[in-house]
Amino acid sequence: MKKTLIAALFVASAGAQAGVITVGGNDGTPTNGFTSSVGNCTIDFNDGTAANSCGATYTLAAGSIVQSSVAGQYATPAGDTSYYLTVGPSAGNNVQVALNAQANYFGFYAGSLDTYNTVSFFLNDNEVDSFTGTAINAVAFPGTGTTGNQAQAAYINYYTTDAVQFNRVVFSSSSNAFETDNHSFAIATPPGQVPLPGTVALLGLGMAGLGAMRRRRIA
């Protein structure tokens, strides 16, 4: 049965921009970790590659997509027995994800978060936002610190605010390792904000249409 988990909000900032982090996703595939309840396309690495139909191009080193654990190099996210992405000195220090369209939401399943893990968001060559495993861990597991606990994993949802968008995501880690799975991106409404202008306009048109139909029936 599909379950949706939701946790508290956290605001991360880099420069003048800010983003919102939430924790929670769909527990629909128990051997593949949690998936996004926001984006409509999932990059799950289940065939051992980053090939996808989501419009994302991955630039990564050989050995970045792995399965199970290797001591001292990477550890499978809790509850995930499928292939996943690892970033660190043993498999390339960073992975670039280029999107074919701008987005304001990116989600991923993450395990054993560490201080030296970093996710950065760019619009072309301009950094929009960046946060570390410390910031993620503070939301996902408040009060536990950043311990690299291999028993801890959570689905991370990141939204930009103030109509800021991005088209590139960079996962990096200066030490072994940063493990993620089930990537998803979209245009979505950040929690606590009104729907995007286009969504409001569509809702307005829909209400106007219903009003016109009601008037015709009365007539």
N, C-alpha and C. Protein backbone atom coordinates (compact mmCIF):
# COMPACT_ATOMS: atom_id res chain seq x y z
N MET A 1 0.84 -1.19 0.00
CA MET A 1 0.00 0.00 0.00
C MET A 1 0.88 1.24 0.00
N LYS A 2 0.48 2.24 -0.77
CA LYS A 2 1.28 3.45 -0.87
C LYS A 2 1.07 4.31 0.37
N LYS A 3 2.17 4.79 0.91
CA LYS A 3 2.11 5.67 2.07
C LYS A 3 2.86 6.94 1.75
N THR A 4 2.41 8.06 2.34
CA THR A 4 3.10 9.33 2.17
C THR A 4 3.51 9.84 3.53
N LEU A 5 4.79 10.12 3.70
CA LEU A 5 5.30 10.65 4.96
C LEU A 5 5.69 12.10 4.76
N ILE A 6 5.38 12.94 5.75
CA ILE A 6 5.69 14.36 5.65
C ILE A 6 6.37 14.80 6.94
N ALA A 7 7.43 15.60 6.81
CA ALA A 7 8.12 16.11 7.99
C ALA A 7 8.18 17.63 7.92
N ALA A 8 8.88 18.22 8.88
CA ALA A 8 8.92 19.67 9.03
C ALA A 8 9.67 20.36 7.90
N LEU A 9 9.53 21.67 7.85
CA LEU A 9 10.18 22.48 6.83
C LEU A 9 11.49 23.04 7.36
N PHE A 10 12.41 23.29 6.43
CA PHE A 10 13.69 23.92 6.76
C PHE A 10 14.04 24.87 5.64
N VAL A 11 14.58 26.03 5.97
CA VAL A 11 14.96 26.99 4.94
C VAL A 11 16.47 27.02 4.83
N ALA A 12 16.98 26.75 3.64
CA ALA A 12 18.41 26.84 3.37
C ALA A 12 18.65 28.01 2.46
N SER A 13 19.80 28.66 2.59
CA SER A 13 20.05 29.81 1.74
C SER A 13 21.48 29.85 1.28
N ALA A 14 21.68 30.39 0.09
CA ALA A 14 23.01 30.62 -0.46
C ALA A 14 22.94 31.94 -1.17
N GLY A 15 23.68 32.93 -0.68
CA GLY A 15 23.59 34.25 -1.27
C GLY A 15 22.23 34.82 -0.96
N ALA A 16 21.60 35.44 -2.01
CA ALA A 16 20.33 36.11 -1.82
C ALA A 16 19.14 35.17 -1.96
N GLN A 17 19.37 33.95 -2.45
CA GLN A 17 18.26 33.05 -2.73
C GLN A 17 18.02 32.13 -1.54
N ALA A 18 16.86 31.51 -1.55
CA ALA A 18 16.53 30.58 -0.47
C ALA A 18 15.67 29.47 -1.03
N GLY A 19 15.70 28.34 -0.37
CA GLY A 19 14.88 27.22 -0.76
C GLY A 19 14.26 26.57 0.46
N VAL A 20 13.28 25.72 0.21
CA VAL A 20 12.57 25.03 1.27
C VAL A 20 12.83 23.54 1.13
N ILE A 21 13.17 22.89 2.23
CA ILE A 21 13.36 21.44 2.26
C ILE A 21 12.22 20.81 3.05
N THR A 22 11.62 19.77 2.49
CA THR A 22 10.70 18.94 3.26
C THR A 22 11.17 17.50 3.17
N VAL A 23 10.66 16.69 4.05
CA VAL A 23 11.03 15.27 4.07
C VAL A 23 9.75 14.45 3.95
N GLY A 24 9.71 13.50 3.03
CA GLY A 24 8.56 12.63 2.90
C GLY A 24 8.34 12.24 1.45
N GLY A 25 7.87 11.02 1.22
CA GLY A 25 7.61 10.54 -0.12
C GLY A 25 6.72 9.32 -0.10
N ASN A 26 6.57 8.70 -1.24
CA ASN A 26 5.72 7.52 -1.37
C ASN A 26 6.49 6.24 -1.10
N ASP A 27 5.98 5.43 -0.21
CA ASP A 27 6.59 4.14 0.10
C ASP A 27 5.90 3.08 -0.75
N GLY A 28 6.08 3.20 -2.07
CA GLY A 28 5.38 2.30 -2.97
C GLY A 28 6.20 1.12 -3.43
N THR A 29 7.52 1.20 -3.29
CA THR A 29 8.41 0.13 -3.73
C THR A 29 9.39 -0.17 -2.59
N PRO A 30 9.04 -1.06 -1.68
CA PRO A 30 9.84 -1.25 -0.46
C PRO A 30 11.28 -1.69 -0.69
N THR A 31 11.61 -2.27 -1.85
CA THR A 31 13.00 -2.66 -2.10
C THR A 31 13.76 -1.59 -2.87
N ASN A 32 13.12 -0.47 -3.16
CA ASN A 32 13.72 0.59 -3.96
C ASN A 32 13.78 1.91 -3.22
N GLY A 33 13.43 1.92 -1.94
CA GLY A 33 13.42 3.16 -1.18
C GLY A 33 12.19 3.99 -1.51
N PHE A 34 12.05 5.12 -0.84
CA PHE A 34 10.92 6.00 -1.07
C PHE A 34 11.07 6.72 -2.41
N THR A 35 9.93 7.10 -2.99
CA THR A 35 9.91 7.86 -4.24
C THR A 35 9.17 9.17 -4.03
N SER A 36 9.26 10.05 -5.00
CA SER A 36 8.65 11.37 -4.88
C SER A 36 7.14 11.31 -4.95
N SER A 37 6.48 12.13 -4.14
CA SER A 37 5.04 12.30 -4.23
C SER A 37 4.71 13.60 -4.95
N VAL A 38 5.74 14.24 -5.52
CA VAL A 38 5.57 15.54 -6.18
C VAL A 38 5.85 15.42 -7.68
N GLY A 39 7.04 14.98 -8.05
CA GLY A 39 7.40 14.87 -9.46
C GLY A 39 6.70 13.71 -10.14
N ASN A 40 6.50 13.81 -11.45
CA ASN A 40 5.77 12.76 -12.17
C ASN A 40 6.68 11.84 -12.97
N CYS A 41 7.98 11.91 -12.76
CA CYS A 41 8.92 11.05 -13.45
C CYS A 41 10.06 10.71 -12.49
N THR A 42 10.43 9.45 -12.41
CA THR A 42 11.46 9.01 -11.47
C THR A 42 12.66 8.44 -12.20
N ILE A 43 13.85 8.86 -11.81
CA ILE A 43 15.11 8.32 -12.32
C ILE A 43 15.61 7.37 -11.24
N ASP A 44 15.45 6.04 -11.48
CA ASP A 44 15.68 5.10 -10.39
C ASP A 44 16.96 4.27 -10.52
N PHE A 45 17.69 4.41 -11.65
CA PHE A 45 18.96 3.71 -11.85
C PHE A 45 18.83 2.19 -11.81
N ASN A 46 17.62 1.66 -11.90
CA ASN A 46 17.40 0.23 -11.67
C ASN A 46 18.01 -0.67 -12.72
N ASP A 47 18.33 -0.11 -13.89
CA ASP A 47 18.99 -0.93 -14.91
C ASP A 47 20.51 -0.80 -14.85
N GLY A 48 21.01 -0.15 -13.79
CA GLY A 48 22.45 0.01 -13.63
C GLY A 48 23.03 1.18 -14.39
N THR A 49 22.15 2.03 -14.99
CA THR A 49 22.60 3.22 -15.71
C THR A 49 21.75 4.41 -15.28
N ALA A 50 22.11 5.58 -15.80
CA ALA A 50 21.33 6.80 -15.55
C ALA A 50 20.44 7.12 -16.74
N ALA A 51 20.26 6.16 -17.66
CA ALA A 51 19.38 6.38 -18.81
C ALA A 51 17.96 6.62 -18.31
N ASN A 52 17.26 7.58 -18.92
CA ASN A 52 15.92 7.90 -18.45
C ASN A 52 15.13 8.61 -19.54
N SER A 53 13.83 8.67 -19.34
CA SER A 53 12.95 9.40 -20.25
C SER A 53 12.43 10.67 -19.60
N CYS A 54 13.11 11.12 -18.55
CA CYS A 54 12.66 12.29 -17.80
C CYS A 54 13.26 13.59 -18.33
N GLY A 55 14.14 13.49 -19.32
CA GLY A 55 14.76 14.70 -19.84
C GLY A 55 15.93 15.18 -19.01
N ALA A 56 16.63 14.28 -18.34
CA ALA A 56 17.80 14.63 -17.53
C ALA A 56 19.02 13.92 -18.08
N THR A 57 20.14 14.64 -18.18
CA THR A 57 21.39 14.08 -18.66
C THR A 57 22.39 14.04 -17.52
N TYR A 58 22.90 12.86 -17.20
CA TYR A 58 23.83 12.68 -16.09
C TYR A 58 25.26 12.61 -16.61
N THR A 59 26.14 13.39 -16.01
CA THR A 59 27.57 13.31 -16.28
C THR A 59 28.22 12.73 -15.03
N LEU A 60 28.70 11.50 -15.14
CA LEU A 60 29.23 10.83 -13.95
C LEU A 60 30.40 9.93 -14.31
N ALA A 61 31.13 9.54 -13.28
CA ALA A 61 32.29 8.68 -13.47
C ALA A 61 31.87 7.22 -13.47
N ALA A 62 32.73 6.38 -14.03
CA ALA A 62 32.49 4.93 -13.97
C ALA A 62 32.43 4.50 -12.51
N GLY A 63 31.53 3.63 -12.21
CA GLY A 63 31.40 3.15 -10.83
C GLY A 63 30.53 4.01 -9.95
N SER A 64 29.82 5.00 -10.54
CA SER A 64 28.95 5.86 -9.75
C SER A 64 27.61 5.22 -9.44
N ILE A 65 27.19 4.27 -10.28
CA ILE A 65 25.91 3.59 -10.06
C ILE A 65 26.22 2.18 -9.56
N VAL A 66 25.78 1.89 -8.34
CA VAL A 66 26.20 0.66 -7.66
C VAL A 66 25.00 -0.02 -7.00
N GLN A 67 25.26 -1.20 -6.50
CA GLN A 67 24.26 -1.95 -5.76
C GLN A 67 24.91 -2.58 -4.54
N SER A 68 24.18 -2.67 -3.44
CA SER A 68 24.67 -3.17 -2.16
C SER A 68 25.74 -2.23 -1.60
N SER A 69 26.61 -2.72 -0.73
CA SER A 69 27.58 -1.88 -0.02
C SER A 69 28.99 -2.41 -0.17
N VAL A 70 29.96 -1.51 -0.10
CA VAL A 70 31.38 -1.86 -0.05
C VAL A 70 31.99 -1.09 1.12
N ALA A 71 32.53 -1.78 2.09
CA ALA A 71 33.06 -1.13 3.29
C ALA A 71 34.09 -0.07 2.94
N GLY A 72 33.92 1.11 3.53
CA GLY A 72 34.85 2.20 3.32
C GLY A 72 34.62 2.99 2.04
N GLN A 73 33.66 2.55 1.20
CA GLN A 73 33.40 3.25 -0.05
C GLN A 73 31.97 3.78 -0.14
N TYR A 74 30.99 2.91 0.02
CA TYR A 74 29.59 3.35 -0.05
C TYR A 74 28.71 2.33 0.64
N ALA A 75 27.53 2.81 1.07
CA ALA A 75 26.58 1.95 1.79
C ALA A 75 25.19 2.18 1.22
N THR A 76 24.48 1.11 0.92
CA THR A 76 23.15 1.23 0.35
C THR A 76 22.22 1.98 1.30
N PRO A 77 21.42 2.91 0.78
CA PRO A 77 20.45 3.59 1.65
C PRO A 77 19.51 2.58 2.29
N ALA A 78 19.13 2.82 3.52
CA ALA A 78 18.29 1.89 4.26
C ALA A 78 17.01 1.57 3.50
N GLY A 79 16.70 0.29 3.39
CA GLY A 79 15.49 -0.15 2.71
C GLY A 79 15.57 -0.17 1.20
N ASP A 80 16.76 0.04 0.64
CA ASP A 80 16.93 0.12 -0.81
C ASP A 80 17.90 -0.98 -1.25
N THR A 81 17.39 -2.00 -1.92
CA THR A 81 18.25 -3.08 -2.39
C THR A 81 18.51 -2.99 -3.89
N SER A 82 18.05 -1.93 -4.52
CA SER A 82 18.23 -1.75 -5.96
C SER A 82 19.52 -0.99 -6.25
N TYR A 83 19.78 -0.70 -7.52
CA TYR A 83 20.90 0.17 -7.89
C TYR A 83 20.63 1.59 -7.41
N TYR A 84 21.69 2.31 -7.07
CA TYR A 84 21.57 3.70 -6.64
C TYR A 84 22.83 4.45 -7.05
N LEU A 85 22.82 5.77 -6.85
CA LEU A 85 23.93 6.63 -7.23
C LEU A 85 24.81 6.91 -6.01
N THR A 86 26.13 6.76 -6.17
CA THR A 86 27.05 7.12 -5.11
C THR A 86 28.05 8.15 -5.63
N VAL A 87 28.39 9.10 -4.78
CA VAL A 87 29.33 10.17 -5.13
C VAL A 87 30.39 10.25 -4.05
N GLY A 88 31.64 10.29 -4.44
CA GLY A 88 32.75 10.38 -3.51
C GLY A 88 34.05 10.04 -4.20
N PRO A 89 35.18 10.16 -3.54
CA PRO A 89 36.47 9.90 -4.17
C PRO A 89 36.60 8.54 -4.84
N SER A 90 35.88 7.53 -4.35
CA SER A 90 36.01 6.20 -4.94
C SER A 90 35.22 6.05 -6.23
N ALA A 91 34.33 7.01 -6.54
CA ALA A 91 33.49 6.90 -7.74
C ALA A 91 33.25 8.26 -8.38
N GLY A 92 34.22 9.14 -8.32
CA GLY A 92 34.03 10.48 -8.88
C GLY A 92 33.48 11.40 -7.81
N ASN A 93 34.11 12.56 -7.65
CA ASN A 93 33.73 13.45 -6.55
C ASN A 93 32.44 14.20 -6.77
N ASN A 94 31.94 14.24 -8.02
CA ASN A 94 30.66 14.91 -8.24
C ASN A 94 29.93 14.32 -9.43
N VAL A 95 28.62 14.53 -9.43
CA VAL A 95 27.76 14.13 -10.53
C VAL A 95 26.94 15.34 -10.95
N GLN A 96 26.97 15.64 -12.24
CA GLN A 96 26.21 16.75 -12.79
C GLN A 96 24.91 16.20 -13.40
N VAL A 97 23.79 16.85 -13.09
CA VAL A 97 22.50 16.46 -13.66
C VAL A 97 21.95 17.67 -14.42
N ALA A 98 21.97 17.61 -15.74
CA ALA A 98 21.46 18.70 -16.57
C ALA A 98 20.02 18.39 -16.96
N LEU A 99 19.10 19.32 -16.70
CA LEU A 99 17.69 19.13 -17.01
C LEU A 99 17.39 19.76 -18.37
N ASN A 100 16.42 19.20 -19.07
CA ASN A 100 16.09 19.75 -20.38
C ASN A 100 15.09 20.89 -20.29
N ALA A 101 14.64 21.19 -19.09
CA ALA A 101 13.74 22.33 -18.86
C ALA A 101 13.97 22.83 -17.44
N GLN A 102 13.64 24.08 -17.20
CA GLN A 102 13.83 24.64 -15.87
C GLN A 102 12.84 24.03 -14.89
N ALA A 103 13.27 23.89 -13.65
CA ALA A 103 12.43 23.32 -12.59
C ALA A 103 12.58 24.15 -11.33
N ASN A 104 11.65 23.98 -10.41
CA ASN A 104 11.81 24.60 -9.09
C ASN A 104 11.70 23.57 -7.98
N TYR A 105 11.65 22.28 -8.38
CA TYR A 105 11.57 21.18 -7.41
C TYR A 105 12.53 20.07 -7.82
N PHE A 106 13.22 19.51 -6.84
CA PHE A 106 14.04 18.32 -7.07
C PHE A 106 13.94 17.44 -5.84
N GLY A 107 13.68 16.15 -6.05
CA GLY A 107 13.56 15.23 -4.94
C GLY A 107 14.50 14.05 -5.09
N PHE A 108 14.95 13.48 -3.98
CA PHE A 108 15.84 12.31 -4.03
C PHE A 108 15.80 11.57 -2.69
N TYR A 109 15.99 10.26 -2.77
CA TYR A 109 16.09 9.42 -1.58
C TYR A 109 17.55 9.42 -1.16
N ALA A 110 17.83 9.68 0.11
CA ALA A 110 19.21 9.80 0.59
C ALA A 110 19.43 8.97 1.83
N GLY A 111 20.61 8.37 1.93
CA GLY A 111 20.96 7.57 3.10
C GLY A 111 22.27 8.01 3.72
N SER A 112 22.45 7.73 4.99
CA SER A 112 23.68 8.01 5.77
C SER A 112 24.31 9.35 5.41
N LEU A 113 23.55 10.41 5.65
CA LEU A 113 24.00 11.77 5.29
C LEU A 113 25.20 12.20 6.13
N ASP A 114 26.12 12.92 5.47
CA ASP A 114 27.34 13.38 6.14
C ASP A 114 27.58 14.86 5.88
N THR A 115 28.39 15.48 6.75
CA THR A 115 28.72 16.90 6.62
C THR A 115 29.34 17.21 5.27
N TYR A 116 30.13 16.30 4.72
CA TYR A 116 30.86 16.57 3.48
C TYR A 116 30.04 16.28 2.23
N ASN A 117 28.76 15.95 2.36
CA ASN A 117 27.86 15.81 1.22
C ASN A 117 27.27 17.17 0.87
N THR A 118 27.19 17.51 -0.41
CA THR A 118 26.65 18.80 -0.84
C THR A 118 25.79 18.63 -2.08
N VAL A 119 24.66 19.34 -2.11
CA VAL A 119 23.82 19.42 -3.30
C VAL A 119 23.74 20.89 -3.68
N SER A 120 24.01 21.19 -4.94
CA SER A 120 23.98 22.57 -5.43
C SER A 120 23.05 22.67 -6.63
N PHE A 121 22.40 23.82 -6.77
CA PHE A 121 21.43 24.05 -7.84
C PHE A 121 21.87 25.27 -8.65
N PHE A 122 21.81 25.13 -9.97
CA PHE A 122 22.29 26.19 -10.87
C PHE A 122 21.25 26.50 -11.93
N LEU A 123 21.18 27.76 -12.31
CA LEU A 123 20.47 28.18 -13.51
C LEU A 123 21.55 28.58 -14.50
N ASN A 124 21.77 27.73 -15.49
CA ASN A 124 22.92 27.86 -16.38
C ASN A 124 24.20 27.81 -15.54
N ASP A 125 24.99 28.88 -15.48
CA ASP A 125 26.23 28.84 -14.70
C ASP A 125 26.11 29.59 -13.38
N ASN A 126 24.93 30.03 -13.05
CA ASN A 126 24.74 30.80 -11.82
C ASN A 126 24.16 29.92 -10.71
N GLU A 127 24.86 29.86 -9.59
CA GLU A 127 24.38 29.05 -8.48
C GLU A 127 23.15 29.69 -7.85
N VAL A 128 22.09 28.91 -7.74
CA VAL A 128 20.84 29.36 -7.15
C VAL A 128 20.82 29.07 -5.65
N ASP A 129 21.28 27.89 -5.27
CA ASP A 129 21.25 27.49 -3.87
C ASP A 129 22.17 26.30 -3.67
N SER A 130 22.54 26.04 -2.43
CA SER A 130 23.41 24.93 -2.10
C SER A 130 23.22 24.58 -0.63
N PHE A 131 23.22 23.30 -0.32
CA PHE A 131 23.15 22.91 1.09
C PHE A 131 23.87 21.59 1.29
N THR A 132 24.23 21.33 2.53
CA THR A 132 25.05 20.17 2.86
C THR A 132 24.24 19.08 3.55
N GLY A 133 24.88 17.94 3.76
CA GLY A 133 24.25 16.87 4.50
C GLY A 133 23.86 17.28 5.90
N THR A 134 24.57 18.23 6.47
CA THR A 134 24.24 18.74 7.80
C THR A 134 22.85 19.36 7.79
N ALA A 135 22.58 20.19 6.78
CA ALA A 135 21.28 20.85 6.67
C ALA A 135 20.17 19.84 6.42
N ILE A 136 20.43 18.86 5.55
CA ILE A 136 19.43 17.84 5.26
C ILE A 136 19.12 17.04 6.52
N ASN A 137 20.17 16.64 7.21
CA ASN A 137 20.02 15.81 8.40
C ASN A 137 19.23 16.52 9.49
N ALA A 138 19.41 17.84 9.58
CA ALA A 138 18.70 18.62 10.60
C ALA A 138 17.20 18.56 10.40
N VAL A 139 16.76 18.39 9.15
CA VAL A 139 15.33 18.28 8.85
C VAL A 139 14.87 16.84 8.97
N ALA A 140 15.64 15.93 8.37
CA ALA A 140 15.22 14.53 8.30
C ALA A 140 15.26 13.86 9.67
N PHE A 141 16.28 14.16 10.45
CA PHE A 141 16.46 13.50 11.74
C PHE A 141 16.84 14.54 12.80
N PRO A 142 15.93 15.43 13.14
CA PRO A 142 16.25 16.52 14.07
C PRO A 142 16.75 15.99 15.41
N GLY A 143 17.82 16.64 15.86
CA GLY A 143 18.37 16.28 17.16
C GLY A 143 19.39 15.16 17.14
N THR A 144 19.59 14.53 15.97
CA THR A 144 20.52 13.41 15.93
C THR A 144 21.91 13.82 15.46
N GLY A 145 22.05 15.03 14.89
CA GLY A 145 23.34 15.44 14.33
C GLY A 145 23.59 14.76 13.00
N THR A 146 24.75 15.03 12.40
CA THR A 146 25.13 14.40 11.13
C THR A 146 26.12 13.29 11.45
N THR A 147 25.65 12.08 11.49
CA THR A 147 26.46 10.98 11.99
C THR A 147 26.87 9.98 10.92
N GLY A 148 26.29 10.06 9.72
CA GLY A 148 26.55 9.04 8.71
C GLY A 148 25.93 7.72 9.10
N ASN A 149 24.85 7.78 9.86
CA ASN A 149 24.17 6.58 10.34
C ASN A 149 23.57 5.81 9.17
N GLN A 150 24.06 4.62 8.90
CA GLN A 150 23.61 3.84 7.75
C GLN A 150 22.21 3.26 7.93
N ALA A 151 21.66 3.38 9.11
CA ALA A 151 20.29 2.92 9.34
C ALA A 151 19.27 4.02 9.05
N GLN A 152 19.77 5.24 8.76
CA GLN A 152 18.87 6.37 8.52
C GLN A 152 18.81 6.71 7.04
N ALA A 153 17.61 6.88 6.52
CA ALA A 153 17.41 7.31 5.14
C ALA A 153 16.07 8.02 5.06
N ALA A 154 15.94 8.95 4.12
CA ALA A 154 14.70 9.71 3.99
C ALA A 154 14.57 10.24 2.57
N TYR A 155 13.33 10.52 2.16
CA TYR A 155 13.12 11.16 0.86
C TYR A 155 13.14 12.67 1.06
N ILE A 156 14.04 13.34 0.33
CA ILE A 156 14.26 14.78 0.47
C ILE A 156 13.59 15.51 -0.68
N ASN A 157 12.76 16.50 -0.36
CA ASN A 157 12.12 17.35 -1.37
C ASN A 157 12.67 18.76 -1.24
N TYR A 158 13.22 19.29 -2.32
CA TYR A 158 13.77 20.64 -2.30
C TYR A 158 12.99 21.51 -3.28
N TYR A 159 12.52 22.68 -2.80
CA TYR A 159 11.82 23.65 -3.63
C TYR A 159 12.55 24.99 -3.56
N THR A 160 12.72 25.65 -4.69
CA THR A 160 13.15 27.04 -4.65
C THR A 160 11.93 27.91 -4.37
N THR A 161 12.17 29.13 -3.94
CA THR A 161 11.09 30.06 -3.65
C THR A 161 11.27 31.33 -4.47
N ASP A 162 10.30 32.23 -4.39
CA ASP A 162 10.36 33.52 -5.08
C ASP A 162 10.51 33.36 -6.59
N ALA A 163 9.87 32.35 -7.16
CA ALA A 163 9.84 32.11 -8.61
C ALA A 163 11.21 31.79 -9.20
N VAL A 164 12.21 31.48 -8.37
CA VAL A 164 13.53 31.09 -8.85
C VAL A 164 13.45 29.67 -9.41
N GLN A 165 14.15 29.42 -10.51
CA GLN A 165 14.18 28.08 -11.10
C GLN A 165 15.63 27.68 -11.36
N PHE A 166 15.84 26.41 -11.70
CA PHE A 166 17.19 25.90 -11.98
C PHE A 166 17.09 24.89 -13.11
N ASN A 167 18.23 24.62 -13.76
CA ASN A 167 18.26 23.59 -14.81
C ASN A 167 19.48 22.68 -14.69
N ARG A 168 20.16 22.74 -13.55
CA ARG A 168 21.29 21.84 -13.31
C ARG A 168 21.42 21.57 -11.82
N VAL A 169 21.67 20.31 -11.48
CA VAL A 169 21.86 19.91 -10.09
C VAL A 169 23.22 19.21 -9.99
N VAL A 170 23.99 19.51 -8.95
CA VAL A 170 25.30 18.90 -8.76
C VAL A 170 25.35 18.23 -7.39
N PHE A 171 25.59 16.93 -7.40
CA PHE A 171 25.85 16.18 -6.17
C PHE A 171 27.36 16.06 -6.00
N SER A 172 27.89 16.42 -4.84
CA SER A 172 29.33 16.32 -4.63
C SER A 172 29.62 15.84 -3.21
N SER A 173 30.80 15.25 -3.06
CA SER A 173 31.21 14.76 -1.75
C SER A 173 32.73 14.70 -1.71
N SER A 174 33.31 15.28 -0.68
CA SER A 174 34.77 15.31 -0.56
C SER A 174 35.32 14.06 0.11
N SER A 175 34.42 13.20 0.60
CA SER A 175 34.84 11.94 1.21
C SER A 175 33.79 10.89 0.87
N ASN A 176 34.10 9.64 1.07
CA ASN A 176 33.13 8.57 0.76
C ASN A 176 32.06 8.52 1.85
N ALA A 177 30.81 8.61 1.50
CA ALA A 177 30.23 8.78 0.17
C ALA A 177 28.92 9.53 0.35
N PHE A 178 28.25 9.84 -0.76
CA PHE A 178 26.94 10.49 -0.77
C PHE A 178 26.04 9.61 -1.63
N GLU A 179 25.11 8.89 -0.99
CA GLU A 179 24.30 7.89 -1.69
C GLU A 179 22.86 8.39 -1.86
N THR A 180 22.37 8.39 -3.11
CA THR A 180 21.01 8.83 -3.39
C THR A 180 20.35 7.92 -4.41
N ASP A 181 19.04 7.99 -4.49
CA ASP A 181 18.27 7.18 -5.45
C ASP A 181 16.97 7.90 -5.75
N ASN A 182 16.26 7.44 -6.78
CA ASN A 182 14.91 7.88 -7.10
C ASN A 182 14.80 9.40 -7.25
N HIS A 183 15.61 9.95 -8.15
CA HIS A 183 15.59 11.38 -8.41
C HIS A 183 14.32 11.77 -9.14
N SER A 184 13.81 12.98 -8.87
CA SER A 184 12.62 13.48 -9.55
C SER A 184 12.68 15.00 -9.56
N PHE A 185 12.20 15.60 -10.66
CA PHE A 185 12.15 17.06 -10.73
C PHE A 185 10.85 17.51 -11.36
N ALA A 186 10.47 18.77 -11.11
CA ALA A 186 9.17 19.25 -11.59
C ALA A 186 9.06 20.76 -11.36
N ILE A 187 8.01 21.33 -11.91
CA ILE A 187 7.53 22.64 -11.49
C ILE A 187 6.44 22.37 -10.46
N ALA A 188 6.61 22.85 -9.26
CA ALA A 188 5.68 22.55 -8.18
C ALA A 188 5.54 23.74 -7.26
N THR A 189 4.46 23.78 -6.51
CA THR A 189 4.22 24.86 -5.56
C THR A 189 4.89 24.56 -4.24
N PRO A 190 5.82 25.41 -3.79
CA PRO A 190 6.45 25.17 -2.50
C PRO A 190 5.42 25.15 -1.37
N PRO A 191 5.62 24.32 -0.36
CA PRO A 191 4.68 24.25 0.76
C PRO A 191 4.48 25.61 1.40
N GLY A 192 3.23 25.93 1.70
CA GLY A 192 2.93 27.20 2.36
C GLY A 192 2.77 28.37 1.42
N GLN A 193 2.94 28.15 0.11
CA GLN A 193 2.78 29.24 -0.85
C GLN A 193 1.55 29.01 -1.70
N VAL A 194 1.04 30.09 -2.28
CA VAL A 194 -0.11 29.98 -3.17
C VAL A 194 0.35 29.32 -4.46
N PRO A 195 -0.55 28.72 -5.23
CA PRO A 195 -0.15 28.09 -6.49
C PRO A 195 0.53 29.06 -7.43
N LEU A 196 1.34 28.52 -8.35
CA LEU A 196 2.02 29.35 -9.32
C LEU A 196 1.01 30.10 -10.17
N PRO A 197 1.36 31.31 -10.71
CA PRO A 197 0.42 32.14 -11.47
C PRO A 197 -0.32 31.37 -12.56
N GLY A 198 0.37 30.51 -13.30
CA GLY A 198 -0.28 29.75 -14.36
C GLY A 198 -1.36 28.84 -13.82
N THR A 199 -1.10 28.25 -12.64
CA THR A 199 -2.09 27.38 -12.02
C THR A 199 -3.31 28.17 -11.58
N VAL A 200 -3.07 29.37 -11.02
CA VAL A 200 -4.17 30.23 -10.60
C VAL A 200 -5.02 30.60 -11.80
N ALA A 201 -4.38 30.94 -12.92
CA ALA A 201 -5.11 31.31 -14.13
C ALA A 201 -5.97 30.16 -14.62
N LEU A 202 -5.42 28.95 -14.62
CA LEU A 202 -6.19 27.79 -15.06
C LEU A 202 -7.38 27.54 -14.15
N LEU A 203 -7.18 27.70 -12.83
CA LEU A 203 -8.29 27.53 -11.90
C LEU A 203 -9.36 28.57 -12.15
N GLY A 204 -8.93 29.81 -12.45
CA GLY A 204 -9.88 30.88 -12.73
C GLY A 204 -10.71 30.58 -13.96
N LEU A 205 -10.06 30.10 -15.02
CA LEU A 205 -10.78 29.74 -16.24
C LEU A 205 -11.77 28.63 -15.98
N GLY A 206 -11.35 27.65 -15.17
CA GLY A 206 -12.25 26.55 -14.85
C GLY A 206 -13.47 27.02 -14.10
N MET A 207 -13.29 27.91 -13.12
CA MET A 207 -14.42 28.43 -12.36
C MET A 207 -15.34 29.26 -13.24
N ALA A 208 -14.73 30.05 -14.16
CA ALA A 208 -15.54 30.85 -15.07
C ALA A 208 -16.39 29.96 -15.96
N GLY A 209 -15.81 28.85 -16.42
CA GLY A 209 -16.55 27.93 -17.27
C GLY A 209 -17.72 27.31 -16.53
N LEU A 210 -17.50 26.92 -15.28
CA LEU A 210 -18.57 26.35 -14.48
C LEU A 210 -19.68 27.37 -14.25
N GLY A 211 -19.29 28.63 -14.05
CA GLY A 211 -20.29 29.68 -13.85
C GLY A 211 -21.14 29.88 -15.09
N ALA A 212 -20.48 29.85 -16.27
CA ALA A 212 -21.22 30.03 -17.52
C ALA A 212 -22.20 28.89 -17.73
N MET A 213 -21.78 27.65 -17.43
CA MET A 213 -22.67 26.50 -17.60
C MET A 213 -23.88 26.64 -16.66
N ARG A 214 -23.64 27.10 -15.44
CA ARG A 214 -24.73 27.23 -14.48
C ARG A 214 -25.73 28.28 -14.94
N ARG A 215 -25.23 29.40 -15.51
CA ARG A 215 -26.12 30.45 -16.00
C ARG A 215 -26.98 29.95 -17.15
N ARG A 216 -26.37 29.15 -18.06
CA ARG A 216 -27.14 28.62 -19.18
C ARG A 216 -28.24 27.68 -18.71
N ARG A 217 -27.95 26.89 -17.68
CA ARG A 217 -28.97 25.98 -17.16
C ARG A 217 -30.13 26.73 -16.54
N ILE A 218 -29.80 27.81 -15.82
CA ILE A 218 -30.86 28.62 -15.18
C ILE A 218 -31.73 29.27 -16.24
N ALA A 219 -31.07 29.77 -17.31
CA ALA A 219 -31.82 30.43 -18.39
C ALA A 219 -32.75 29.43 -19.08
